[in-house]
């Protein structure tokens, strides 16, 4: 393949291929039919020459039978006159030869020539039938038929008939102008048809190439219509699937970049407040002239803000371990009621100080998970619930089991969540309530940690407002089959 063809488009390649196939087929069929036509003409000519030679041989044989049964020079003049009179009415050349192969009479020439060396003459002198074809100087095919002239059982001479007919070369030579016109018309028609077929066959690939080019140029909505051959449709569907995956990956990367940018911004914002408080307290202490009581207050503020920074760093590390690639959760069979009970007991001093009671209800189904992480989920939700529930109120932790999922609900008696905040409640550093501002020590990461842990367990978490007041956080985890749970 030439360099130009390697760089040619699929349409050009199809066009060249179809045109080449058409031309090769036309040349092959033309050669075949011309050869068959030549063979047919030769067969018909041979039949005619054989008939003429046989008739001539029969006439000469009857004449000799009535005479001396010998064919010699005495008969040459009579035979020559007879053939000369018949020549204008015959399309072939007739000769009468004696037993030696010498021409006694010739309808188209001068007698006297010897054809004894010709194979067809020898066959006839041997009593058989002889035929041969030869090419003339003009490129035509000459056919020769020799029939023995017999008297009794003796061969006394040969009746020799010959004629010419067209050959493939002579036909091409005689009709070269017409053939050239036909070839040009055929090539033009073939080229037009090949062009239409090439466009039709290459259109789906051209459209696919255009879609791929637009996609590579930044138009990620570009898709190819699956049409054409089965292979082309499969290629278009594969491209569309790949484009969907790439578009989804790009969207995820952009979302990840957005989250990272927002995360950095939020972390910077969260760090600014405690650092500012620590710096202000430290500068005041450095200035001196501060009473002992004020010094204790400033030092307490520094310790408090340092604790906030520690909690923030710990929460961020927790999120990183859960969402990052630092390892998978160690999963095992976990009694969810026991996990919830441990979380309640761990936070008992905190919720008793807030004047809130906690109630645990429901069955204790077994789930597949990490007990420590699930306890952290319950603890974070319980901490938030007791924080927003007024003194004297109650927080309920309710556990239930369904056919596909185990549900853990944490219900509080607080003011509820603003409707516009519900879609963002599990985002990092998001605070939906005044009671959860920075002065209470919350960094806005507790619910983000809850969501990350639940997602790592292939579960879901959502927050809704209760009609009678307050909110409920609903955690759903995949349920183990009872056979697996008892194993």
Protein backbone atom coordinates (compact mmCIF):
# COMPACT_ATOMS: atom_id res chain seq x y z
CA UNK A 1 0.00 0.00 0.00
CA UNK A 2 1.36 3.39 -0.98
CA UNK A 3 1.84 6.18 1.61
CA UNK A 4 -0.98 8.12 -0.06
CA UNK A 5 -3.39 5.20 0.37
CA UNK A 6 -2.34 4.75 4.00
CA UNK A 7 -3.37 8.35 4.62
CA UNK A 8 -6.57 8.12 2.55
CA UNK A 9 -9.99 8.31 4.15
CA UNK A 10 -12.24 5.28 4.52
CA UNK A 11 -14.48 6.64 1.76
CA UNK A 12 -11.54 6.87 -0.66
CA UNK A 13 -10.41 3.37 0.23
CA UNK A 14 -13.90 1.97 -0.28
CA UNK A 15 -14.22 3.87 -3.55
CA UNK A 16 -10.92 2.49 -4.87
CA UNK A 17 -11.74 -1.02 -3.66
CA UNK A 18 -15.22 -1.07 -5.22
CA UNK A 19 -13.95 0.41 -8.47
CA UNK A 20 -11.11 -2.13 -8.64
CA UNK A 21 -13.49 -5.03 -7.96
CA UNK A 22 -15.92 -3.78 -10.61
CA UNK A 23 -13.21 -3.32 -13.24
CA UNK A 24 -11.56 -6.67 -12.51
CA UNK A 25 -14.94 -8.38 -12.67
CA UNK A 26 -15.85 -6.62 -15.91
CA UNK A 27 -12.53 -7.52 -17.54
CA UNK A 28 -12.78 -11.12 -16.40
CA UNK A 29 -16.36 -11.54 -17.57
CA UNK A 30 -15.62 -9.81 -20.88
CA UNK A 31 -12.64 -12.11 -21.53
CA UNK A 32 -14.72 -15.14 -20.64
CA UNK A 33 -17.65 -14.24 -22.91
CA UNK A 34 -15.37 -13.21 -25.79
CA UNK A 35 -13.59 -16.55 -25.54
CA UNK A 36 -16.91 -18.39 -25.50
CA UNK A 37 -18.11 -16.36 -28.47
CA UNK A 38 -14.93 -17.18 -30.40
CA UNK A 39 -15.31 -20.89 -29.58
CA UNK A 40 -18.95 -20.86 -30.67
CA UNK A 41 -18.05 -19.18 -33.98
CA UNK A 42 -15.33 -21.73 -34.63
CA UNK A 43 -17.69 -24.65 -33.94
CA UNK A 44 -20.30 -23.30 -36.32
CA UNK A 45 -17.69 -22.57 -38.99
CA UNK A 46 -16.23 -26.04 -38.63
CA UNK A 47 -19.68 -27.58 -39.09
CA UNK A 48 -20.22 -25.53 -42.26
CA UNK A 49 -16.78 -26.31 -43.68
CA UNK A 50 -17.21 -29.99 -42.91
CA UNK A 51 -20.53 -30.04 -44.74
CA UNK A 52 -19.05 -28.28 -47.78
CA UNK A 53 -15.97 -30.49 -47.86
CA UNK A 54 -18.10 -33.64 -47.50
CA UNK A 55 -20.41 -32.59 -50.36
CA UNK A 56 -17.43 -31.75 -52.56
CA UNK A 57 -15.76 -35.05 -51.75
CA UNK A 58 -18.96 -36.94 -52.55
CA UNK A 59 -19.38 -35.20 -55.90
CA UNK A 60 -15.77 -35.79 -56.91
CA UNK A 61 -16.00 -39.42 -55.77
CA UNK A 62 -19.11 -40.05 -57.90
CA UNK A 63 -17.47 -38.44 -60.89
CA UNK A 64 -14.36 -40.61 -60.52
CA UNK A 65 -16.40 -43.75 -60.04
CA UNK A 66 -17.91 -43.28 -63.45
CA UNK A 67 -14.48 -42.68 -65.01
CA UNK A 68 -11.14 -44.32 -64.18
CA UNK A 69 -11.32 -44.09 -60.37
CA UNK A 70 -8.11 -42.11 -60.32
CA UNK A 71 -7.67 -38.43 -59.45
CA UNK A 72 -4.90 -36.92 -61.49
CA UNK A 73 -3.80 -34.08 -63.78
CA UNK A 74 -6.44 -34.98 -66.36
CA UNK A 75 -9.17 -34.02 -63.87
CA UNK A 76 -7.54 -30.78 -62.71
CA UNK A 77 -8.96 -28.52 -65.42
CA UNK A 78 -12.54 -29.69 -64.96
CA UNK A 79 -12.32 -29.44 -61.21
CA UNK A 80 -10.81 -25.95 -61.40
CA UNK A 81 -13.63 -24.74 -63.65
CA UNK A 82 -16.24 -26.18 -61.30
CA UNK A 83 -14.69 -24.59 -58.19
CA UNK A 84 -14.21 -21.25 -59.96
CA UNK A 85 -17.88 -21.16 -60.90
CA UNK A 86 -18.88 -21.97 -57.28
CA UNK A 87 -16.44 -19.51 -55.67
CA UNK A 88 -18.69 -16.37 -55.90
CA UNK A 89 -21.47 -18.22 -54.04
CA UNK A 90 -19.36 -19.76 -51.27
CA UNK A 91 -17.99 -17.98 -48.23
CA UNK A 92 -15.20 -20.50 -47.88
CA UNK A 93 -12.24 -21.55 -49.97
CA UNK A 94 -12.41 -25.01 -51.49
CA UNK A 95 -9.49 -27.14 -52.72
CA UNK A 96 -9.23 -30.61 -54.21
CA UNK A 97 -5.96 -32.45 -53.57
CA UNK A 98 -4.68 -35.67 -55.09
CA UNK A 99 -3.37 -38.66 -53.15
CA UNK A 100 0.01 -36.96 -52.77
CA UNK A 101 -1.43 -33.82 -51.14
CA UNK A 102 -0.91 -31.65 -54.23
CA UNK A 103 -3.64 -29.13 -55.09
CA UNK A 104 -5.41 -29.99 -58.33
CA UNK A 105 -8.11 -27.31 -58.06
CA UNK A 106 -8.44 -24.19 -55.86
CA UNK A 107 -11.45 -21.85 -55.72
CA UNK A 108 -9.37 -19.02 -54.38
CA UNK A 109 -5.93 -19.41 -55.90
CA UNK A 110 -3.60 -21.18 -58.28
CA UNK A 111 -3.37 -25.00 -58.19
CA UNK A 112 -0.06 -26.77 -57.73
CA UNK A 113 0.77 -26.15 -54.11
CA UNK A 114 1.56 -29.12 -51.91
CA UNK A 115 -0.06 -29.46 -48.44
CA UNK A 116 1.18 -32.96 -47.73
CA UNK A 117 3.02 -31.74 -44.62
CA UNK A 118 -0.11 -30.46 -42.89
CA UNK A 119 -1.45 -32.68 -40.16
CA UNK A 120 -5.09 -32.37 -41.19
CA UNK A 121 -4.17 -33.44 -44.77
CA UNK A 122 -2.30 -36.49 -43.50
CA UNK A 123 -5.31 -37.42 -41.32
CA UNK A 124 -7.60 -37.20 -44.35
CA UNK A 125 -5.24 -39.20 -46.59
CA UNK A 126 -5.24 -41.85 -43.86
CA UNK A 127 -9.01 -42.06 -44.23
CA UNK A 128 -9.91 -39.95 -41.22
CA UNK A 129 -11.17 -36.46 -40.57
CA UNK A 130 -8.71 -33.60 -40.23
CA UNK A 131 -9.19 -30.10 -38.82
CA UNK A 132 -6.81 -27.35 -37.72
CA UNK A 133 -6.85 -23.67 -36.77
CA UNK A 134 -4.15 -21.10 -37.54
CA UNK A 135 -3.78 -17.36 -37.00
CA UNK A 136 -3.57 -15.19 -40.08
CA UNK A 137 -1.30 -12.20 -40.48
CA UNK A 138 -4.25 -9.90 -39.77
CA UNK A 139 -4.97 -11.55 -36.44
CA UNK A 140 -8.00 -13.53 -37.56
CA UNK A 141 -8.55 -17.26 -36.96
CA UNK A 142 -8.31 -19.52 -40.03
CA UNK A 143 -10.07 -22.92 -39.82
CA UNK A 144 -9.11 -25.81 -42.11
CA UNK A 145 -11.19 -28.98 -42.62
CA UNK A 146 -9.98 -31.95 -44.67
CA UNK A 147 -12.29 -34.83 -45.79
CA UNK A 148 -11.01 -37.86 -47.70
CA UNK A 149 -12.23 -38.51 -51.28
CA UNK A 150 -12.74 -42.25 -51.61
CA UNK A 151 -13.62 -44.60 -54.41
CA UNK A 152 -14.63 -47.85 -52.87
CA UNK A 153 -12.27 -48.35 -49.96
CA UNK A 154 -9.40 -46.43 -51.52
CA UNK A 155 -8.55 -42.81 -50.67
CA UNK A 156 -7.80 -41.05 -53.94
CA UNK A 157 -7.67 -37.44 -52.74
CA UNK A 158 -8.74 -34.85 -50.24
CA UNK A 159 -11.55 -32.28 -50.21
CA UNK A 160 -10.05 -29.30 -48.38
CA UNK A 161 -12.22 -26.39 -47.10
CA UNK A 162 -11.04 -23.33 -45.23
CA UNK A 163 -12.36 -20.01 -44.00
CA UNK A 164 -11.53 -17.28 -41.50
CA UNK A 165 -13.46 -15.84 -38.60
CA UNK A 166 -12.83 -13.20 -35.95
CA UNK A 167 -10.53 -13.66 -32.97
CA UNK A 168 -10.58 -11.79 -29.69
CA UNK A 169 -7.66 -9.66 -30.84
CA UNK A 170 -9.19 -8.94 -34.22
CA UNK A 171 -12.50 -8.09 -32.58
CA UNK A 172 -10.77 -5.67 -30.20
CA UNK A 173 -8.88 -4.19 -33.14
CA UNK A 174 -11.91 -3.86 -35.41
CA UNK A 175 -14.15 -2.36 -32.72
CA UNK A 176 -11.56 -0.48 -30.66
CA UNK A 177 -13.37 2.86 -30.87
CA UNK A 178 -16.70 1.37 -29.87
CA UNK A 179 -15.04 -0.68 -27.15
CA UNK A 180 -13.24 2.41 -25.85
CA UNK A 181 -16.56 4.28 -25.66
CA UNK A 182 -18.23 1.35 -23.89
CA UNK A 183 -15.32 1.04 -21.44
CA UNK A 184 -15.42 4.75 -20.66
CA UNK A 185 -19.18 4.61 -20.12
CA UNK A 186 -18.78 1.54 -17.90
CA UNK A 187 -16.01 3.17 -15.87
CA UNK A 188 -18.08 6.33 -15.43
CA UNK A 189 -21.16 4.37 -14.35
CA UNK A 190 -19.07 2.16 -12.06
CA UNK A 191 -17.34 5.17 -10.54
CA UNK A 192 -20.68 6.84 -9.84
CA UNK A 193 -22.15 3.72 -8.29
CA UNK A 194 -18.96 3.07 -6.30
CA UNK A 195 -19.02 6.66 -5.06
CA UNK A 196 -22.61 6.28 -3.86
CA UNK A 197 -21.85 2.95 -2.18
CA UNK A 198 -18.68 4.33 -0.59
CA UNK A 199 -20.54 7.33 0.81
CA UNK A 200 -23.35 5.10 2.08
CA UNK A 201 -20.97 2.61 3.71
CA UNK A 202 -18.62 5.22 5.15
CA UNK A 203 -21.26 7.68 6.41
CA UNK A 204 -21.72 5.98 9.83
CA UNK A 205 -17.93 5.85 10.29
CA UNK A 206 -17.61 9.48 9.21
CA UNK A 207 -20.29 10.49 11.71
CA UNK A 208 -18.54 8.43 14.40
CA UNK A 209 -15.22 10.12 13.59
CA UNK A 210 -16.93 13.51 13.77
CA UNK A 211 -18.46 12.69 17.14
CA UNK A 212 -15.08 11.50 18.44
CA UNK A 213 -13.43 14.69 17.15
CA UNK A 214 -16.05 16.90 18.82
CA UNK A 215 -15.72 14.93 22.05
CA UNK A 216 -11.93 15.31 21.95
CA UNK A 217 -12.41 19.02 21.30
CA UNK A 218 -14.32 19.49 24.55
CA UNK A 219 -17.92 18.78 23.52
CA UNK A 220 -18.52 16.00 26.02
CA UNK A 221 -22.19 15.77 25.05
CA UNK A 222 -21.23 14.54 21.56
CA UNK A 223 -22.56 11.06 20.78
CA UNK A 224 -22.70 8.86 17.66
CA UNK A 225 -25.96 7.49 16.26
CA UNK A 226 -25.67 3.65 16.10
CA UNK A 227 -26.54 2.83 12.49
CA UNK A 228 -25.07 1.10 9.46
CA UNK A 229 -23.64 -2.40 9.66
CA UNK A 230 -23.73 -4.49 12.83
CA UNK A 231 -20.02 -3.85 13.38
CA UNK A 232 -20.45 -0.09 12.93
CA UNK A 233 -23.41 -0.04 15.32
CA UNK A 234 -21.38 -1.96 17.91
CA UNK A 235 -18.50 0.50 17.47
CA UNK A 236 -20.84 3.49 17.90
CA UNK A 237 -22.42 1.95 21.00
CA UNK A 238 -18.97 1.24 22.44
CA UNK A 239 -17.94 4.84 21.76
CA UNK A 240 -21.10 6.17 23.41
CA UNK A 241 -20.52 3.95 26.45
CA UNK A 242 -16.92 5.13 26.65
CA UNK A 243 -18.04 8.76 26.26
CA UNK A 244 -20.56 8.31 29.07
CA UNK A 245 -17.86 6.86 31.32
CA UNK A 246 -15.41 9.65 30.43
CA UNK A 247 -18.06 12.32 30.95
CA UNK A 248 -18.98 10.78 34.29
CA UNK A 249 -15.32 10.60 35.30
CA UNK A 250 -14.79 14.22 34.27
CA UNK A 251 -17.85 15.27 36.25
CA UNK A 252 -16.57 13.36 39.27
CA UNK A 253 -13.13 14.93 38.92
CA UNK A 254 -14.65 18.37 38.70
CA UNK A 255 -16.83 17.64 41.70
CA UNK A 256 -13.81 16.32 43.56
CA UNK A 257 -11.84 19.45 42.70
CA UNK A 258 -14.77 21.55 43.84
CA UNK A 259 -14.97 19.60 47.09
CA UNK A 260 -11.25 19.91 47.64
CA UNK A 261 -11.32 23.62 46.97
CA UNK A 262 -14.28 24.07 49.29
CA UNK A 263 -12.65 21.82 51.86
CA UNK A 264 -9.47 23.90 51.88
CA UNK A 265 -11.54 27.05 52.12
CA UNK A 266 -13.67 25.65 54.95
CA UNK A 267 -10.67 24.34 56.87
CA UNK A 268 -8.96 27.72 56.54
CA UNK A 269 -12.11 29.41 57.76
CA UNK A 270 -12.47 27.00 60.69
CA UNK A 271 -8.85 27.42 61.71
CA UNK A 272 -8.98 31.20 61.55
CA UNK A 273 -11.32 31.62 64.56
CA UNK A 274 -9.42 29.53 67.17
CA UNK A 275 -6.06 30.78 65.91
CA UNK A 276 -7.27 34.36 66.15
CA UNK A 277 -8.54 33.73 69.68
CA UNK A 278 -5.25 32.08 70.70
CA UNK A 279 -3.19 34.88 69.16
CA UNK A 280 -5.30 37.59 70.81
CA UNK A 281 -5.05 35.94 74.23
CA UNK A 282 -1.31 35.38 73.85
CA UNK A 283 -0.67 39.00 72.76
CA UNK A 284 -2.68 40.29 75.72
CA UNK A 285 -0.62 38.17 78.10
CA UNK A 286 2.61 39.37 76.45
CA UNK A 287 1.61 43.00 76.89
CA UNK A 288 1.63 42.47 80.68
CA UNK A 289 -0.32 44.49 83.22
CA UNK A 290 -2.97 41.73 83.35
CA UNK A 291 -4.56 40.69 86.62
CA UNK A 292 -4.16 37.14 87.84
CA UNK A 293 -7.83 36.38 87.28
CA UNK A 294 -7.66 37.70 83.68
CA UNK A 295 -4.52 35.68 83.09
CA UNK A 296 -6.36 32.53 84.10
CA UNK A 297 -9.24 33.43 81.76
CA UNK A 298 -6.90 34.06 78.82
CA UNK A 299 -4.98 30.85 79.50
CA UNK A 300 -8.26 28.93 79.73
CA UNK A 301 -9.30 30.44 76.38
CA UNK A 302 -6.01 29.32 74.83
CA UNK A 303 -6.49 25.77 76.16
CA UNK A 304 -10.12 25.71 74.99
CA UNK A 305 -9.26 26.87 71.46
CA UNK A 306 -6.32 24.43 71.32
CA UNK A 307 -8.76 21.64 72.23
CA UNK A 308 -11.00 22.78 69.37
CA UNK A 309 -8.06 22.58 66.97
CA UNK A 310 -7.26 19.10 68.26
CA UNK A 311 -10.84 17.94 67.77
CA UNK A 312 -10.90 19.48 64.29
CA UNK A 313 -7.67 17.71 63.34
CA UNK A 314 -8.94 14.40 64.73
CA UNK A 315 -12.22 14.73 62.86
CA UNK A 316 -10.40 15.50 59.61
CA UNK A 317 -8.14 12.50 60.09
CA UNK A 318 -11.19 10.35 60.75
CA UNK A 319 -12.79 11.50 57.50
CA UNK A 320 -9.56 10.89 55.63
CA UNK A 321 -9.24 7.34 56.95
CA UNK A 322 -12.87 6.56 56.04
CA UNK A 323 -13.02 8.23 52.62
CA UNK A 324 -9.39 7.88 51.60
CA UNK A 325 -7.37 4.90 50.45
CA UNK A 326 -5.79 4.09 53.82
CA UNK A 327 -7.50 0.71 54.10
CA UNK A 328 -10.89 -0.98 54.15
CA UNK A 329 -13.10 -1.31 57.20
CA UNK A 330 -12.67 -4.57 59.17
CA UNK A 331 -16.18 -6.01 58.82
CA UNK A 332 -17.75 -8.58 61.10
CA UNK A 333 -21.12 -9.53 62.61
CA UNK A 334 -22.25 -6.70 64.88
CA UNK A 335 -25.16 -6.56 67.36
CA UNK A 336 -26.54 -3.10 66.59
CA UNK A 337 -28.45 -2.82 69.89
CA UNK A 338 -25.28 -3.55 71.87
CA UNK A 339 -23.44 -0.91 69.83
CA UNK A 340 -26.15 1.66 70.58
CA UNK A 341 -26.15 0.73 74.28
CA UNK A 342 -22.38 1.29 74.53
CA UNK A 343 -22.68 4.69 72.85
CA UNK A 344 -25.43 5.71 75.30
CA UNK A 345 -23.35 4.63 78.28
CA UNK A 346 -20.24 6.41 76.98
CA UNK A 347 -22.14 9.70 76.62
CA UNK A 348 -24.21 9.34 79.81
CA UNK A 349 -22.32 12.05 81.75
CA UNK A 350 -22.84 14.44 78.86
CA UNK A 351 -26.60 13.98 78.37
CA UNK A 352 -27.25 13.86 82.12
CA UNK A 353 -25.44 17.22 82.46
CA UNK A 354 -27.72 18.61 79.73
CA UNK A 355 -30.78 17.40 81.61
CA UNK A 356 -31.94 15.09 78.83
CA UNK A 357 -33.08 11.47 79.07
CA UNK A 358 -32.23 8.79 76.47
CA UNK A 359 -34.43 5.79 75.61
CA UNK A 360 -33.38 2.76 73.52
CA UNK A 361 -36.15 0.66 71.94
CA UNK A 362 -36.42 -2.04 69.30
CA UNK A 363 -34.90 -5.40 68.50
CA UNK A 364 -31.21 -6.13 68.18
CA UNK A 365 -30.56 -7.53 64.67
CA UNK A 366 -27.10 -8.50 63.52
CA UNK A 367 -25.46 -6.47 60.71
CA UNK A 368 -22.15 -6.75 58.88
CA UNK A 369 -19.90 -3.86 59.85
CA UNK A 370 -17.22 -2.30 62.05
CA UNK A 371 -18.49 -2.08 65.65
CA UNK A 372 -16.26 0.89 66.58
CA UNK A 373 -17.31 2.94 63.55
CA UNK A 374 -20.99 2.16 64.03
CA UNK A 375 -20.69 3.18 67.67
CA UNK A 376 -19.19 6.46 66.46
CA UNK A 377 -22.26 6.96 64.21
CA UNK A 378 -24.63 6.46 67.17
CA UNK A 379 -22.49 8.67 69.42
CA UNK A 380 -22.35 11.56 66.94
CA UNK A 381 -26.10 11.44 66.31
CA UNK A 382 -26.83 11.14 70.05
CA UNK A 383 -24.51 14.06 70.83
CA UNK A 384 -26.32 16.26 68.31
CA UNK A 385 -29.75 15.13 69.52
CA UNK A 386 -29.04 15.87 73.21
CA UNK A 387 -27.45 19.18 72.24
CA UNK A 388 -30.63 20.49 70.54
CA UNK A 389 -33.19 18.88 72.89
CA UNK A 390 -34.25 21.29 75.64
CA UNK A 391 -33.65 20.44 79.31
CA UNK A 392 -36.19 17.92 80.54
CA UNK A 393 -36.71 16.55 77.05
CA UNK A 394 -36.10 13.05 75.78
CA UNK A 395 -34.10 11.46 72.94
CA UNK A 396 -35.18 8.10 71.56
CA UNK A 397 -32.97 5.61 69.72
CA UNK A 398 -35.20 3.20 67.84
CA UNK A 399 -33.94 0.03 66.08
CA UNK A 400 -36.04 -2.04 63.66
CA UNK A 401 -35.45 -4.77 61.11
CA UNK A 402 -36.93 -5.04 57.60
CA UNK A 403 -36.57 -7.67 54.84
CA UNK A 404 -33.69 -5.83 53.13
CA UNK A 405 -32.33 -3.35 55.67
CA UNK A 406 -31.82 -2.69 59.37
CA UNK A 407 -32.94 0.78 60.45
CA UNK A 408 -31.58 2.88 63.32
CA UNK A 409 -33.45 6.11 64.08
CA UNK A 410 -32.42 8.90 66.48
CA UNK A 411 -35.38 11.15 67.39
CA UNK A 412 -34.95 14.45 69.26
CA UNK A 413 -37.34 17.12 70.59
CA UNK A 414 -35.39 20.10 69.31
CA UNK A 415 -36.53 22.94 67.02
CA UNK A 416 -36.10 20.83 63.88
CA UNK A 417 -33.98 21.54 60.80
CA UNK A 418 -34.74 24.46 58.44
CA UNK A 419 -36.10 23.03 55.14
CA UNK A 420 -33.45 24.80 53.09
CA UNK A 421 -30.73 23.19 55.23
CA UNK A 422 -31.91 19.58 54.87
CA UNK A 423 -30.09 18.92 51.54
CA UNK A 424 -26.80 20.15 53.06
CA UNK A 425 -27.01 18.74 56.57
CA UNK A 426 -24.32 16.09 55.96
CA UNK A 427 -21.83 18.39 54.25
CA UNK A 428 -18.54 19.25 55.94
CA UNK A 429 -18.50 22.32 58.19
CA UNK A 430 -22.23 22.89 57.63
CA UNK A 431 -24.19 24.20 60.64
CA UNK A 432 -27.94 24.27 60.39
CA UNK A 433 -28.82 25.54 63.86
CA UNK A 434 -27.77 28.45 66.01
CA UNK A 435 -27.20 26.09 68.90
CA UNK A 436 -24.51 24.35 66.88
CA UNK A 437 -22.25 27.40 66.38
CA UNK A 438 -18.54 27.53 67.15
CA UNK A 439 -19.05 28.60 70.73
CA UNK A 440 -20.36 25.12 71.57
CA UNK A 441 -17.20 23.51 70.26
CA UNK A 442 -18.75 21.85 67.17
CA UNK A 443 -16.73 22.00 63.95
CA UNK A 444 -19.52 20.93 61.62
CA UNK A 445 -17.85 17.58 60.85
CA UNK A 446 -19.87 15.20 63.04
CA UNK A 447 -22.64 14.53 60.51
CA UNK A 448 -20.13 14.39 57.64
CA UNK A 449 -18.33 11.64 59.54
CA UNK A 450 -21.66 9.85 60.09
CA UNK A 451 -22.44 9.96 56.35
CA UNK A 452 -18.95 8.73 55.42
CA UNK A 453 -19.13 5.78 57.81
CA UNK A 454 -22.62 4.79 56.65
CA UNK A 455 -21.57 4.96 52.99
CA UNK A 456 -18.56 2.77 53.80
CA UNK A 457 -21.08 0.19 55.13
CA UNK A 458 -23.10 0.40 51.85
CA UNK A 459 -25.93 2.08 53.76
CA UNK A 460 -27.84 5.35 53.60
CA UNK A 461 -28.56 8.17 56.07
CA UNK A 462 -31.11 10.96 55.91
CA UNK A 463 -32.61 13.63 58.14
CA UNK A 464 -36.29 14.65 58.27
CA UNK A 465 -38.42 16.83 60.50
CA UNK A 466 -41.05 15.24 62.72
CA UNK A 467 -44.63 16.50 62.35
CA UNK A 468 -44.95 16.93 66.15
CA UNK A 469 -41.65 18.82 66.33
CA UNK A 470 -38.01 17.92 66.41
CA UNK A 471 -36.06 15.92 63.85
CA UNK A 472 -35.17 12.30 63.19
CA UNK A 473 -31.99 10.92 61.67
CA UNK A 474 -32.54 7.60 59.87
CA UNK A 475 -29.66 5.19 59.20
CA UNK A 476 -30.30 2.14 57.00
CA UNK A 477 -27.77 -0.69 56.74
CA UNK A 478 -27.98 -3.85 54.58
CA UNK A 479 -29.54 -6.71 56.52
CA UNK A 480 -27.82 -10.05 56.85
CA UNK A 481 -29.82 -13.11 55.85
CA UNK A 482 -30.97 -14.95 58.93
CA UNK A 483 -29.04 -18.08 57.87
CA UNK A 484 -25.83 -15.99 57.55
CA UNK A 485 -26.51 -14.25 60.85
CA UNK A 486 -26.84 -17.61 62.68
CA UNK A 487 -23.72 -19.05 61.04
